[in-house]
């Protein structure tokens, strides 16, 4: 299981699209197809703690407890 937070955070200010809406879209459309291909792959991602207009940083190693 993955813990999700800040689902009301707006990721796309022009449309008002939230993190929760993006996650729901991916889960409903491509999640079942893409997730098996992502298993056991390295994880890296950009983080935007203050939204798209704020600070950005690269996370190379997932935090402890992140599912493999």
PDB file of N, CA and C in Angstrom:
ATOM      1  N   UNK A   1       0.834  -1.198   0.000  1.00  0.00           N
ATOM      2  CA  UNK A   1       0.000   0.000   0.000  1.00  0.00           C
ATOM      3  C   UNK A   1       0.864   1.243   0.000  1.00  0.00           C
ATOM      4  N   UNK A   2       0.339   2.280  -0.600  1.00  0.00           N
ATOM      5  CA  UNK A   2       1.020   3.566  -0.663  1.00  0.00           C
ATOM      6  C   UNK A   2       0.161   4.582   0.062  1.00  0.00           C
ATOM      7  N   UNK A   3       0.784   5.378   0.901  1.00  0.00           N
ATOM      8  CA  UNK A   3       0.069   6.442   1.604  1.00  0.00           C
ATOM      9  C   UNK A   3       0.064   7.690   0.731  1.00  0.00           C
ATOM     10  N   UNK A   4      -1.104   8.234   0.493  1.00  0.00           N
ATOM     11  CA  UNK A   4      -1.245   9.437  -0.333  1.00  0.00           C
ATOM     12  C   UNK A   4      -1.607  10.616   0.552  1.00  0.00           C
ATOM     13  N   UNK A   5      -1.065  11.779   0.217  1.00  0.00           N
ATOM     14  CA  UNK A   5      -1.356  12.975   1.003  1.00  0.00           C
ATOM     15  C   UNK A   5      -1.621  14.149   0.079  1.00  0.00           C
ATOM     16  N   UNK A   6      -2.195  15.184   0.633  1.00  0.00           N
ATOM     17  CA  UNK A   6      -2.434  16.440  -0.089  1.00  0.00           C
ATOM     18  C   UNK A   6      -3.187  16.238  -1.402  1.00  0.00           C
ATOM     19  N   UNK A   7      -4.223  15.421  -1.376  1.00  0.00           N
ATOM     20  CA  UNK A   7      -4.976  15.142  -2.598  1.00  0.00           C
ATOM     21  C   UNK A   7      -5.715  16.365  -3.127  1.00  0.00           C
ATOM     22  N   UNK A   8      -5.895  17.379  -2.295  1.00  0.00           N
ATOM     23  CA  UNK A   8      -6.556  18.613  -2.736  1.00  0.00           C
ATOM     24  C   UNK A   8      -5.571  19.637  -3.297  1.00  0.00           C
ATOM     25  N   UNK A   9      -4.280  19.313  -3.298  1.00  0.00           N
ATOM     26  CA  UNK A   9      -3.268  20.243  -3.817  1.00  0.00           C
ATOM     27  C   UNK A   9      -3.472  20.429  -5.321  1.00  0.00           C
ATOM     28  N   UNK A  10      -3.526  21.677  -5.750  1.00  0.00           N
ATOM     29  CA  UNK A  10      -3.707  21.985  -7.172  1.00  0.00           C
ATOM     30  C   UNK A  10      -2.369  21.814  -7.885  1.00  0.00           C
ATOM     31  N   UNK A  11      -2.342  20.917  -8.871  1.00  0.00           N
ATOM     32  CA  UNK A  11      -1.133  20.676  -9.650  1.00  0.00           C
ATOM     33  C   UNK A  11      -1.108  21.491 -10.933  1.00  0.00           C
ATOM     34  N   UNK A  12      -2.277  21.777 -11.465  1.00  0.00           N
ATOM     35  CA  UNK A  12      -2.389  22.527 -12.715  1.00  0.00           C
ATOM     36  C   UNK A  12      -3.293  23.730 -12.480  1.00  0.00           C
ATOM     37  N   UNK A  13      -2.708  24.872 -12.094  1.00  0.00           N
ATOM     38  CA  UNK A  13      -3.500  26.048 -11.740  1.00  0.00           C
ATOM     39  C   UNK A  13      -4.417  26.547 -12.858  1.00  0.00           C
ATOM     40  N   UNK A  14      -4.015  26.423 -14.102  1.00  0.00           N
ATOM     41  CA  UNK A  14      -4.835  26.931 -15.208  1.00  0.00           C
ATOM     42  C   UNK A  14      -6.196  26.246 -15.270  1.00  0.00           C
ATOM     43  N   UNK A  15      -6.247  24.970 -14.881  1.00  0.00           N
ATOM     44  CA  UNK A  15      -7.512  24.231 -14.921  1.00  0.00           C
ATOM     45  C   UNK A  15      -8.051  23.924 -13.532  1.00  0.00           C
ATOM     46  N   UNK A  16      -7.220  24.131 -12.507  1.00  0.00           N
ATOM     47  CA  UNK A  16      -7.635  23.811 -11.144  1.00  0.00           C
ATOM     48  C   UNK A  16      -7.575  22.324 -10.843  1.00  0.00           C
ATOM     49  N   UNK A  17      -6.890  21.552 -11.669  1.00  0.00           N
ATOM     50  CA  UNK A  17      -6.813  20.104 -11.500  1.00  0.00           C
ATOM     51  C   UNK A  17      -5.964  19.759 -10.281  1.00  0.00           C
ATOM     52  N   UNK A  18      -6.513  18.899  -9.422  1.00  0.00           N
ATOM     53  CA  UNK A  18      -5.835  18.537  -8.182  1.00  0.00           C
ATOM     54  C   UNK A  18      -5.049  17.234  -8.323  1.00  0.00           C
ATOM     55  N   UNK A  19      -4.208  16.999  -7.351  1.00  0.00           N
ATOM     56  CA  UNK A  19      -3.433  15.767  -7.285  1.00  0.00           C
ATOM     57  C   UNK A  19      -4.363  14.553  -7.253  1.00  0.00           C
ATOM     58  N   UNK A  20      -5.424  14.632  -6.479  1.00  0.00           N
ATOM     59  CA  UNK A  20      -6.382  13.534  -6.395  1.00  0.00           C
ATOM     60  C   UNK A  20      -7.036  13.235  -7.731  1.00  0.00           C
ATOM     61  N   UNK A  21      -7.363  14.273  -8.484  1.00  0.00           N
ATOM     62  CA  UNK A  21      -7.979  14.082  -9.802  1.00  0.00           C
ATOM     63  C   UNK A  21      -7.005  13.423 -10.778  1.00  0.00           C
ATOM     64  N   UNK A  22      -5.735  13.822 -10.719  1.00  0.00           N
ATOM     65  CA  UNK A  22      -4.726  13.213 -11.595  1.00  0.00           C
ATOM     66  C   UNK A  22      -4.558  11.737 -11.239  1.00  0.00           C
ATOM     67  N   UNK A  23      -4.461  11.429  -9.947  1.00  0.00           N
ATOM     68  CA  UNK A  23      -4.320  10.039  -9.520  1.00  0.00           C
ATOM     69  C   UNK A  23      -5.525   9.207  -9.935  1.00  0.00           C
ATOM     70  N   UNK A  24      -6.710   9.753  -9.766  1.00  0.00           N
ATOM     71  CA  UNK A  24      -7.928   9.040 -10.161  1.00  0.00           C
ATOM     72  C   UNK A  24      -7.930   8.768 -11.660  1.00  0.00           C
ATOM     73  N   UNK A  25      -7.536   9.752 -12.449  1.00  0.00           N
ATOM     74  CA  UNK A  25      -7.485   9.589 -13.905  1.00  0.00           C
ATOM     75  C   UNK A  25      -6.551   8.441 -14.290  1.00  0.00           C
ATOM     76  N   UNK A  26      -5.332   8.455 -13.738  1.00  0.00           N
ATOM     77  CA  UNK A  26      -4.378   7.404 -14.086  1.00  0.00           C
ATOM     78  C   UNK A  26      -4.855   6.037 -13.604  1.00  0.00           C
ATOM     79  N   UNK A  27      -5.419   5.967 -12.419  1.00  0.00           N
ATOM     80  CA  UNK A  27      -5.908   4.693 -11.899  1.00  0.00           C
ATOM     81  C   UNK A  27      -7.033   4.141 -12.767  1.00  0.00           C
ATOM     82  N   UNK A  28      -7.895   5.026 -13.262  1.00  0.00           N
ATOM     83  CA  UNK A  28      -9.046   4.601 -14.058  1.00  0.00           C
ATOM     84  C   UNK A  28      -8.692   4.287 -15.509  1.00  0.00           C
ATOM     85  N   UNK A  29      -7.597   4.845 -16.019  1.00  0.00           N
ATOM     86  CA  UNK A  29      -7.311   4.675 -17.445  1.00  0.00           C
ATOM     87  C   UNK A  29      -6.118   3.759 -17.739  1.00  0.00           C
ATOM     88  N   UNK A  30      -4.968   4.020 -17.163  1.00  0.00           N
ATOM     89  CA  UNK A  30      -3.773   3.263 -17.540  1.00  0.00           C
ATOM     90  C   UNK A  30      -3.134   2.487 -16.395  1.00  0.00           C
ATOM     91  N   UNK A  31      -3.621   2.652 -15.187  1.00  0.00           N
ATOM     92  CA  UNK A  31      -2.992   2.017 -14.031  1.00  0.00           C
ATOM     93  C   UNK A  31      -2.815   0.520 -14.171  1.00  0.00           C
ATOM     94  N   UNK A  32      -3.869  -0.174 -14.567  1.00  0.00           N
ATOM     95  CA  UNK A  32      -3.801  -1.627 -14.684  1.00  0.00           C
ATOM     96  C   UNK A  32      -2.835  -2.110 -15.747  1.00  0.00           C
ATOM     97  N   UNK A  33      -2.602  -1.287 -16.752  1.00  0.00           N
ATOM     98  CA  UNK A  33      -1.709  -1.668 -17.844  1.00  0.00           C
ATOM     99  C   UNK A  33      -0.256  -1.323 -17.524  1.00  0.00           C
ATOM    100  N   UNK A  34      -0.023  -0.150 -16.953  1.00  0.00           N
ATOM    101  CA  UNK A  34       1.357   0.322 -16.776  1.00  0.00           C
ATOM    102  C   UNK A  34       2.020  -0.196 -15.490  1.00  0.00           C
ATOM    103  N   UNK A  35       1.245  -0.392 -14.434  1.00  0.00           N
ATOM    104  CA  UNK A  35       1.856  -0.779 -13.159  1.00  0.00           C
ATOM    105  C   UNK A  35       2.668  -2.070 -13.224  1.00  0.00           C
ATOM    106  N   UNK A  36       2.216  -3.120 -13.915  1.00  0.00           N
ATOM    107  CA  UNK A  36       3.050  -4.326 -13.987  1.00  0.00           C
ATOM    108  C   UNK A  36       4.420  -4.069 -14.635  1.00  0.00           C
ATOM    109  N   UNK A  37       4.511  -3.106 -15.531  1.00  0.00           N
ATOM    110  CA  UNK A  37       5.769  -2.801 -16.202  1.00  0.00           C
ATOM    111  C   UNK A  37       6.695  -1.951 -15.332  1.00  0.00           C
ATOM    112  N   UNK A  38       6.151  -1.310 -14.314  1.00  0.00           N
ATOM    113  CA  UNK A  38       6.950  -0.462 -13.438  1.00  0.00           C
ATOM    114  C   UNK A  38       7.504  -1.217 -12.233  1.00  0.00           C
ATOM    115  N   UNK A  39       7.008  -2.406 -12.006  1.00  0.00           N
ATOM    116  CA  UNK A  39       7.442  -3.198 -10.858  1.00  0.00           C
ATOM    117  C   UNK A  39       8.939  -3.495 -10.952  1.00  0.00           C
ATOM    118  N   UNK A  40       9.627  -3.372  -9.826  1.00  0.00           N
ATOM    119  CA  UNK A  40      11.063  -3.658  -9.720  1.00  0.00           C
ATOM    120  C   UNK A  40      11.930  -2.711 -10.557  1.00  0.00           C
ATOM    121  N   UNK A  41      11.425  -1.556 -10.894  1.00  0.00           N
ATOM    122  CA  UNK A  41      12.206  -0.573 -11.654  1.00  0.00           C
ATOM    123  C   UNK A  41      12.708   0.507 -10.708  1.00  0.00           C
ATOM    124  N   UNK A  42      13.830   1.147 -11.051  1.00  0.00           N
ATOM    125  CA  UNK A  42      14.323   2.250 -10.221  1.00  0.00           C
ATOM    126  C   UNK A  42      13.300   3.386 -10.156  1.00  0.00           C
ATOM    127  N   UNK A  43      13.295   4.070  -9.036  1.00  0.00           N
ATOM    128  CA  UNK A  43      12.357   5.171  -8.843  1.00  0.00           C
ATOM    129  C   UNK A  43      13.135   6.478  -8.747  1.00  0.00           C
ATOM    130  N   UNK A  44      12.704   7.454  -9.484  1.00  0.00           N
ATOM    131  CA  UNK A  44      13.222   8.812  -9.337  1.00  0.00           C
ATOM    132  C   UNK A  44      12.096   9.756  -9.709  1.00  0.00           C
ATOM    133  N   UNK A  45      12.059  10.898  -9.068  1.00  0.00           N
ATOM    134  CA  UNK A  45      10.987  11.831  -9.375  1.00  0.00           C
ATOM    135  C   UNK A  45      11.336  13.241  -8.935  1.00  0.00           C
ATOM    136  N   UNK A  46      10.686  14.196  -9.584  1.00  0.00           N
ATOM    137  CA  UNK A  46      10.804  15.599  -9.198  1.00  0.00           C
ATOM    138  C   UNK A  46       9.724  15.895  -8.182  1.00  0.00           C
ATOM    139  N   UNK A  47      10.076  16.646  -7.159  1.00  0.00           N
ATOM    140  CA  UNK A  47       9.097  17.005  -6.128  1.00  0.00           C
ATOM    141  C   UNK A  47       8.865  18.502  -6.164  1.00  0.00           C
ATOM    142  N   UNK A  48       7.613  18.876  -6.015  1.00  0.00           N
ATOM    143  CA  UNK A  48       7.184  20.272  -6.013  1.00  0.00           C
ATOM    144  C   UNK A  48       6.389  20.514  -4.730  1.00  0.00           C
ATOM    145  N   UNK A  49       7.058  20.666  -3.585  1.00  0.00           N
ATOM    146  CA  UNK A  49       6.333  20.768  -2.317  1.00  0.00           C
ATOM    147  C   UNK A  49       5.399  21.974  -2.227  1.00  0.00           C
ATOM    148  N   UNK A  50       5.689  23.033  -2.954  1.00  0.00           N
ATOM    149  CA  UNK A  50       4.854  24.238  -2.902  1.00  0.00           C
ATOM    150  C   UNK A  50       4.026  24.424  -4.161  1.00  0.00           C
ATOM    151  N   UNK A  51       3.844  23.363  -4.938  1.00  0.00           N
ATOM    152  CA  UNK A  51       3.091  23.466  -6.179  1.00  0.00           C
ATOM    153  C   UNK A  51       4.001  23.782  -7.356  1.00  0.00           C
ATOM    154  N   UNK A  52       3.429  23.839  -8.554  1.00  0.00           N
ATOM    155  CA  UNK A  52       4.238  23.983  -9.763  1.00  0.00           C
ATOM    156  C   UNK A  52       5.021  25.285  -9.861  1.00  0.00           C
ATOM    157  N   UNK A  53       4.622  26.318  -9.155  1.00  0.00           N
ATOM    158  CA  UNK A  53       5.341  27.586  -9.224  1.00  0.00           C
ATOM    159  C   UNK A  53       6.405  27.754  -8.160  1.00  0.00           C
ATOM    160  N   UNK A  54       6.542  26.765  -7.278  1.00  0.00           N
ATOM    161  CA  UNK A  54       7.471  26.889  -6.156  1.00  0.00           C
ATOM    162  C   UNK A  54       8.767  26.135  -6.362  1.00  0.00           C
ATOM    163  N   UNK A  55       9.402  25.832  -5.238  1.00  0.00           N
ATOM    164  CA  UNK A  55      10.678  25.122  -5.223  1.00  0.00           C
ATOM    165  C   UNK A  55      10.527  23.742  -5.861  1.00  0.00           C
ATOM    166  N   UNK A  56      11.559  23.310  -6.587  1.00  0.00           N
ATOM    167  CA  UNK A  56      11.584  21.992  -7.220  1.00  0.00           C
ATOM    168  C   UNK A  56      12.863  21.287  -6.793  1.00  0.00           C
ATOM    169  N   UNK A  57      12.764  20.001  -6.478  1.00  0.00           N
ATOM    170  CA  UNK A  57      13.987  19.242  -6.229  1.00  0.00           C
ATOM    171  C   UNK A  57      13.815  17.805  -6.680  1.00  0.00           C
ATOM    172  N   UNK A  58      14.935  17.177  -6.990  1.00  0.00           N
ATOM    173  CA  UNK A  58      14.992  15.827  -7.522  1.00  0.00           C
ATOM    174  C   UNK A  58      15.206  14.846  -6.382  1.00  0.00           C
ATOM    175  N   UNK A  59      14.409  13.795  -6.328  1.00  0.00           N
ATOM    176  CA  UNK A  59      14.579  12.744  -5.332  1.00  0.00           C
ATOM    177  C   UNK A  59      15.055  11.492  -6.047  1.00  0.00           C
ATOM    178  N   UNK A  60      16.266  11.073  -5.723  1.00  0.00           N
ATOM    179  CA  UNK A  60      16.837   9.911  -6.389  1.00  0.00           C
ATOM    180  C   UNK A  60      16.463   8.610  -5.680  1.00  0.00           C
ATOM    181  N   UNK A  61      16.433   8.630  -4.372  1.00  0.00           N
ATOM    182  CA  UNK A  61      16.131   7.430  -3.600  1.00  0.00           C
ATOM    183  C   UNK A  61      14.779   7.584  -2.921  1.00  0.00           C
ATOM    184  N   UNK A  62      13.910   6.602  -3.063  1.00  0.00           N
ATOM    185  CA  UNK A  62      12.602   6.711  -2.414  1.00  0.00           C
ATOM    186  C   UNK A  62      12.746   6.679  -0.895  1.00  0.00           C
ATOM    187  N   UNK A  63      11.813   7.296  -0.187  1.00  0.00           N
ATOM    188  CA  UNK A  63      11.871   7.277   1.270  1.00  0.00           C
ATOM    189  C   UNK A  63      11.700   5.862   1.819  1.00  0.00           C
ATOM    190  N   UNK A  64      12.198   5.607   3.033  1.00  0.00           N
ATOM    191  CA  UNK A  64      12.025   4.286   3.643  1.00  0.00           C
ATOM    192  C   UNK A  64      10.550   3.909   3.692  1.00  0.00           C
ATOM    193  N   UNK A  65      10.271   2.647   3.434  1.00  0.00           N
ATOM    194  CA  UNK A  65       8.897   2.169   3.473  1.00  0.00           C
ATOM    195  C   UNK A  65       8.183   2.244   2.140  1.00  0.00           C
ATOM    196  N   UNK A  66       8.824   2.842   1.126  1.00  0.00           N
ATOM    197  CA  UNK A  66       8.209   2.914  -0.194  1.00  0.00           C
ATOM    198  C   UNK A  66       8.137   1.504  -0.772  1.00  0.00           C
ATOM    199  N   UNK A  67       6.970   1.103  -1.289  1.00  0.00           N
ATOM    200  CA  UNK A  67       6.862  -0.253  -1.849  1.00  0.00           C
ATOM    201  C   UNK A  67       7.826  -0.462  -3.011  1.00  0.00           C
ATOM    202  N   UNK A  68       8.334  -1.674  -3.121  1.00  0.00           N
ATOM    203  CA  UNK A  68       9.247  -1.997  -4.226  1.00  0.00           C
ATOM    204  C   UNK A  68       8.473  -2.456  -5.433  1.00  0.00           C
TER     205      UNK A  68
END
